[in-house]
């Protein structure tokens, strides 16, 4: 299996920094935009150790589901940060990814 390198990690950081308020991106979308479409899981791992100032809370799974491993409380913690940022989160811990998906230029 291929591995991600520091260049990919830096590209992930750059992409996540661009996600505007009111939009979300998926792990797979970030991976593909970063040049490694197979690396959605790796994007999630990068999120766990990436810079705190990036809007990691705006990254969700392809169905809009929140991260069970989100720092500070899992899905409940992820929900709290998203709701504080103005997002609606459903009772089953998801956002409307079809409506909210970020489409970079």
N, C-alpha and C. Protein backbone atom coordinates (compact mmCIF):
# COMPACT_ATOMS: atom_id res chain seq x y z
N UNK A 1 0.84 -1.18 0.00
CA UNK A 1 0.00 0.00 0.00
C UNK A 1 0.88 1.24 0.00
N UNK A 2 0.47 2.24 -0.74
CA UNK A 2 1.20 3.49 -0.78
C UNK A 2 1.07 4.21 0.55
N UNK A 3 2.03 5.06 0.81
CA UNK A 3 2.01 5.85 2.04
C UNK A 3 1.90 7.32 1.70
N UNK A 4 1.36 8.06 2.61
CA UNK A 4 1.32 9.50 2.41
C UNK A 4 2.65 10.08 2.91
N UNK A 5 3.04 11.19 2.32
CA UNK A 5 4.28 11.83 2.72
C UNK A 5 4.00 13.21 3.30
N UNK A 6 5.06 13.90 3.69
CA UNK A 6 4.89 15.22 4.29
C UNK A 6 4.26 16.22 3.32
N UNK A 7 4.52 16.06 2.04
CA UNK A 7 3.92 16.95 1.04
C UNK A 7 2.40 16.78 1.04
N UNK A 8 1.94 15.54 1.10
CA UNK A 8 0.49 15.28 1.17
C UNK A 8 -0.09 15.88 2.45
N UNK A 9 0.59 15.68 3.56
CA UNK A 9 0.11 16.22 4.83
C UNK A 9 -0.01 17.74 4.76
N UNK A 10 0.97 18.41 4.19
CA UNK A 10 0.92 19.86 4.04
C UNK A 10 -0.23 20.28 3.13
N UNK A 11 -0.47 19.51 2.07
CA UNK A 11 -1.59 19.81 1.17
C UNK A 11 -2.92 19.64 1.91
N UNK A 12 -3.04 18.63 2.75
CA UNK A 12 -4.25 18.45 3.56
C UNK A 12 -4.46 19.67 4.43
N UNK A 13 -3.40 20.13 5.10
CA UNK A 13 -3.51 21.32 5.93
C UNK A 13 -4.01 22.52 5.11
N UNK A 14 -3.43 22.71 3.95
CA UNK A 14 -3.82 23.83 3.08
C UNK A 14 -5.30 23.74 2.69
N UNK A 15 -5.74 22.55 2.34
CA UNK A 15 -7.12 22.35 1.92
C UNK A 15 -8.10 22.58 3.07
N UNK A 16 -7.81 22.01 4.22
CA UNK A 16 -8.70 22.17 5.37
C UNK A 16 -8.79 23.65 5.76
N UNK A 17 -7.70 24.37 5.67
CA UNK A 17 -7.70 25.79 6.00
C UNK A 17 -8.64 26.58 5.09
N UNK A 18 -8.91 26.08 3.90
CA UNK A 18 -9.75 26.78 2.93
C UNK A 18 -11.24 26.52 3.09
N UNK A 19 -11.63 25.53 3.88
CA UNK A 19 -13.06 25.20 4.00
C UNK A 19 -13.77 26.36 4.68
N UNK A 20 -14.67 27.03 3.96
CA UNK A 20 -15.31 28.21 4.55
C UNK A 20 -16.39 27.84 5.57
N UNK A 21 -16.66 28.77 6.47
CA UNK A 21 -17.75 28.57 7.42
C UNK A 21 -19.03 28.36 6.63
N UNK A 22 -19.84 27.42 7.09
CA UNK A 22 -21.09 27.10 6.42
C UNK A 22 -20.96 25.96 5.42
N UNK A 23 -19.74 25.47 5.20
CA UNK A 23 -19.50 24.36 4.29
C UNK A 23 -18.76 23.26 5.02
N UNK A 24 -18.79 22.06 4.46
CA UNK A 24 -18.02 20.93 4.97
C UNK A 24 -17.30 20.27 3.81
N UNK A 25 -16.30 19.49 4.14
CA UNK A 25 -15.60 18.65 3.16
C UNK A 25 -15.57 17.24 3.73
N UNK A 26 -15.42 16.26 2.86
CA UNK A 26 -15.31 14.88 3.33
C UNK A 26 -13.85 14.47 3.35
N UNK A 27 -13.57 13.44 4.12
CA UNK A 27 -12.21 12.90 4.18
C UNK A 27 -11.74 12.49 2.78
N UNK A 28 -12.62 11.81 2.04
CA UNK A 28 -12.28 11.37 0.70
C UNK A 28 -12.07 12.53 -0.26
N UNK A 29 -12.87 13.56 -0.11
CA UNK A 29 -12.73 14.74 -0.96
C UNK A 29 -11.37 15.41 -0.72
N UNK A 30 -11.00 15.58 0.54
CA UNK A 30 -9.71 16.18 0.87
C UNK A 30 -8.59 15.30 0.33
N UNK A 31 -8.72 13.99 0.48
CA UNK A 31 -7.70 13.07 -0.04
C UNK A 31 -7.54 13.23 -1.55
N UNK A 32 -8.65 13.24 -2.26
CA UNK A 32 -8.60 13.36 -3.72
C UNK A 32 -8.01 14.70 -4.15
N UNK A 33 -8.45 15.78 -3.51
CA UNK A 33 -7.91 17.10 -3.84
C UNK A 33 -6.43 17.19 -3.52
N UNK A 34 -6.00 16.41 -2.54
CA UNK A 34 -4.59 16.39 -2.15
C UNK A 34 -3.74 15.48 -3.00
N UNK A 35 -4.37 14.78 -3.95
CA UNK A 35 -3.61 13.95 -4.88
C UNK A 35 -3.51 12.48 -4.52
N UNK A 36 -4.28 12.03 -3.54
CA UNK A 36 -4.25 10.62 -3.13
C UNK A 36 -5.67 10.17 -2.83
N UNK A 37 -6.44 9.92 -3.87
CA UNK A 37 -7.86 9.62 -3.71
C UNK A 37 -8.13 8.42 -2.81
N UNK A 38 -7.18 7.55 -2.65
CA UNK A 38 -7.33 6.35 -1.82
C UNK A 38 -7.12 6.64 -0.33
N UNK A 39 -6.74 7.86 0.04
CA UNK A 39 -6.21 8.15 1.37
C UNK A 39 -7.20 8.82 2.34
N UNK A 40 -8.49 8.52 2.23
CA UNK A 40 -9.46 9.13 3.14
C UNK A 40 -9.14 8.81 4.60
N UNK A 41 -8.81 7.57 4.89
CA UNK A 41 -8.48 7.17 6.27
C UNK A 41 -7.28 7.96 6.77
N UNK A 42 -6.29 8.14 5.90
CA UNK A 42 -5.09 8.88 6.28
C UNK A 42 -5.42 10.34 6.60
N UNK A 43 -6.37 10.93 5.87
CA UNK A 43 -6.79 12.29 6.18
C UNK A 43 -7.34 12.35 7.60
N UNK A 44 -8.11 11.35 7.98
CA UNK A 44 -8.62 11.30 9.35
C UNK A 44 -7.50 11.21 10.37
N UNK A 45 -6.48 10.45 10.08
CA UNK A 45 -5.35 10.33 10.99
C UNK A 45 -4.58 11.64 11.08
N UNK A 46 -4.41 12.30 9.95
CA UNK A 46 -3.74 13.61 9.93
C UNK A 46 -4.52 14.60 10.78
N UNK A 47 -5.84 14.52 10.72
CA UNK A 47 -6.69 15.43 11.50
C UNK A 47 -6.44 15.31 13.00
N UNK A 48 -6.11 14.11 13.46
CA UNK A 48 -5.88 13.89 14.90
C UNK A 48 -4.63 14.59 15.41
N UNK A 49 -3.67 14.83 14.53
CA UNK A 49 -2.40 15.42 14.97
C UNK A 49 -2.12 16.76 14.31
N UNK A 50 -3.04 17.23 13.48
CA UNK A 50 -2.82 18.47 12.74
C UNK A 50 -2.97 19.70 13.62
N UNK A 51 -2.60 20.84 13.07
CA UNK A 51 -2.67 22.10 13.82
C UNK A 51 -4.08 22.39 14.33
N UNK A 52 -4.18 22.74 15.60
CA UNK A 52 -5.47 22.99 16.24
C UNK A 52 -6.23 24.16 15.63
N UNK A 53 -5.52 25.11 15.03
CA UNK A 53 -6.19 26.29 14.50
C UNK A 53 -6.95 26.03 13.19
N UNK A 54 -6.77 24.86 12.60
CA UNK A 54 -7.50 24.54 11.37
C UNK A 54 -8.92 24.08 11.69
N UNK A 55 -9.86 24.31 10.78
CA UNK A 55 -11.27 23.95 11.04
C UNK A 55 -11.56 22.47 10.78
N UNK A 56 -10.91 21.59 11.54
CA UNK A 56 -11.09 20.15 11.36
C UNK A 56 -12.54 19.73 11.57
N UNK A 57 -13.28 20.49 12.36
CA UNK A 57 -14.69 20.15 12.62
C UNK A 57 -15.52 20.21 11.36
N UNK A 58 -15.03 20.87 10.32
CA UNK A 58 -15.75 20.97 9.04
C UNK A 58 -15.45 19.78 8.12
N UNK A 59 -14.72 18.80 8.61
CA UNK A 59 -14.43 17.58 7.83
C UNK A 59 -15.27 16.45 8.41
N UNK A 60 -16.05 15.80 7.53
CA UNK A 60 -16.98 14.74 7.94
C UNK A 60 -16.83 13.55 7.00
N UNK A 61 -17.51 12.46 7.30
CA UNK A 61 -17.44 11.32 6.38
C UNK A 61 -18.35 11.55 5.17
N UNK A 62 -18.30 10.65 4.22
CA UNK A 62 -19.00 10.89 2.95
C UNK A 62 -20.51 10.94 3.08
N UNK A 63 -21.06 10.44 4.19
CA UNK A 63 -22.50 10.55 4.44
C UNK A 63 -22.83 11.76 5.31
N UNK A 64 -21.82 12.53 5.68
CA UNK A 64 -22.03 13.67 6.56
C UNK A 64 -21.89 13.33 8.03
N UNK A 65 -21.49 12.09 8.31
CA UNK A 65 -21.37 11.64 9.70
C UNK A 65 -20.20 12.27 10.43
N UNK A 66 -20.41 12.46 11.73
CA UNK A 66 -19.39 13.05 12.57
C UNK A 66 -18.40 12.00 13.04
N UNK A 67 -17.23 12.46 13.47
CA UNK A 67 -16.13 11.57 13.85
C UNK A 67 -16.29 11.01 15.25
N UNK A 68 -16.30 9.70 15.36
CA UNK A 68 -16.39 9.07 16.69
C UNK A 68 -15.11 9.33 17.48
N UNK A 69 -14.00 9.55 16.80
CA UNK A 69 -12.73 9.81 17.47
C UNK A 69 -12.39 11.28 17.60
N UNK A 70 -13.39 12.14 17.45
CA UNK A 70 -13.12 13.58 17.53
C UNK A 70 -12.58 13.92 18.91
N UNK A 71 -11.45 14.66 18.97
CA UNK A 71 -10.88 15.03 20.27
C UNK A 71 -11.88 15.83 21.11
N UNK A 72 -11.93 15.56 22.36
CA UNK A 72 -12.81 16.31 23.24
C UNK A 72 -14.24 15.82 23.23
N UNK A 73 -14.44 14.52 23.10
CA UNK A 73 -15.79 14.01 23.28
C UNK A 73 -16.39 13.23 22.14
N UNK A 74 -15.62 12.79 21.18
CA UNK A 74 -16.16 11.99 20.09
C UNK A 74 -17.24 12.72 19.32
N UNK A 75 -18.29 12.00 18.95
CA UNK A 75 -19.37 12.61 18.16
C UNK A 75 -20.05 13.77 18.88
N UNK A 76 -20.22 13.64 20.21
CA UNK A 76 -20.84 14.74 20.97
C UNK A 76 -19.96 15.98 20.93
N UNK A 77 -18.65 15.80 21.06
CA UNK A 77 -17.73 16.92 20.98
C UNK A 77 -17.74 17.55 19.59
N UNK A 78 -17.77 16.69 18.56
CA UNK A 78 -17.81 17.17 17.17
C UNK A 78 -19.11 17.96 16.95
N UNK A 79 -20.21 17.42 17.45
CA UNK A 79 -21.51 18.12 17.35
C UNK A 79 -21.44 19.49 18.00
N UNK A 80 -20.90 19.55 19.21
CA UNK A 80 -20.86 20.81 19.95
C UNK A 80 -20.08 21.89 19.19
N UNK A 81 -18.96 21.52 18.61
CA UNK A 81 -18.14 22.50 17.87
C UNK A 81 -18.87 22.93 16.60
N UNK A 82 -19.46 21.99 15.88
CA UNK A 82 -20.21 22.34 14.67
C UNK A 82 -21.39 23.25 15.00
N UNK A 83 -22.15 22.91 16.02
CA UNK A 83 -23.31 23.73 16.38
C UNK A 83 -22.88 25.12 16.83
N UNK A 84 -21.77 25.22 17.53
CA UNK A 84 -21.26 26.53 17.94
C UNK A 84 -20.84 27.36 16.72
N UNK A 85 -20.50 26.67 15.63
CA UNK A 85 -20.10 27.33 14.38
C UNK A 85 -21.31 27.58 13.47
N UNK A 86 -22.52 27.24 13.96
CA UNK A 86 -23.74 27.55 13.22
C UNK A 86 -24.31 26.44 12.36
N UNK A 87 -23.80 25.23 12.47
CA UNK A 87 -24.29 24.10 11.67
C UNK A 87 -25.43 23.39 12.39
N UNK A 88 -26.33 22.83 11.60
CA UNK A 88 -27.37 21.95 12.15
C UNK A 88 -26.86 20.52 12.08
N UNK A 89 -26.90 19.83 13.20
CA UNK A 89 -26.49 18.43 13.28
C UNK A 89 -27.72 17.61 13.66
N UNK A 90 -27.98 16.56 12.89
CA UNK A 90 -29.15 15.72 13.14
C UNK A 90 -28.96 14.88 14.41
N UNK A 91 -30.05 14.27 14.85
CA UNK A 91 -30.00 13.42 16.04
C UNK A 91 -29.08 12.21 15.86
N UNK A 92 -28.85 11.81 14.61
CA UNK A 92 -27.95 10.68 14.37
C UNK A 92 -26.53 11.14 14.02
N UNK A 93 -26.18 12.34 14.49
CA UNK A 93 -24.82 12.87 14.38
C UNK A 93 -24.35 13.02 12.93
N UNK A 94 -25.12 13.73 12.15
CA UNK A 94 -24.75 13.96 10.75
C UNK A 94 -25.17 15.37 10.34
N UNK A 95 -24.47 15.88 9.33
CA UNK A 95 -24.85 17.14 8.68
C UNK A 95 -25.31 16.79 7.27
N UNK A 96 -26.02 17.70 6.65
CA UNK A 96 -26.51 17.49 5.28
C UNK A 96 -25.37 17.75 4.31
N UNK A 97 -24.60 16.71 4.03
CA UNK A 97 -23.41 16.86 3.19
C UNK A 97 -23.77 17.28 1.77
N UNK A 98 -24.93 16.88 1.28
CA UNK A 98 -25.32 17.29 -0.08
C UNK A 98 -25.52 18.79 -0.17
N UNK A 99 -26.11 19.36 0.87
CA UNK A 99 -26.35 20.80 0.89
C UNK A 99 -25.10 21.60 1.23
N UNK A 100 -24.26 21.06 2.12
CA UNK A 100 -23.16 21.82 2.68
C UNK A 100 -21.80 21.57 2.02
N UNK A 101 -21.72 20.62 1.09
CA UNK A 101 -20.41 20.24 0.55
C UNK A 101 -19.70 21.41 -0.11
N UNK A 102 -18.48 21.63 0.30
CA UNK A 102 -17.61 22.67 -0.27
C UNK A 102 -17.15 22.22 -1.64
N UNK A 103 -17.25 23.12 -2.58
CA UNK A 103 -16.79 22.85 -3.94
C UNK A 103 -15.76 23.92 -4.30
N UNK A 104 -14.47 23.62 -4.07
CA UNK A 104 -13.45 24.62 -4.36
C UNK A 104 -13.38 24.93 -5.85
N UNK A 105 -12.98 26.15 -6.16
CA UNK A 105 -12.90 26.59 -7.56
C UNK A 105 -11.87 25.79 -8.34
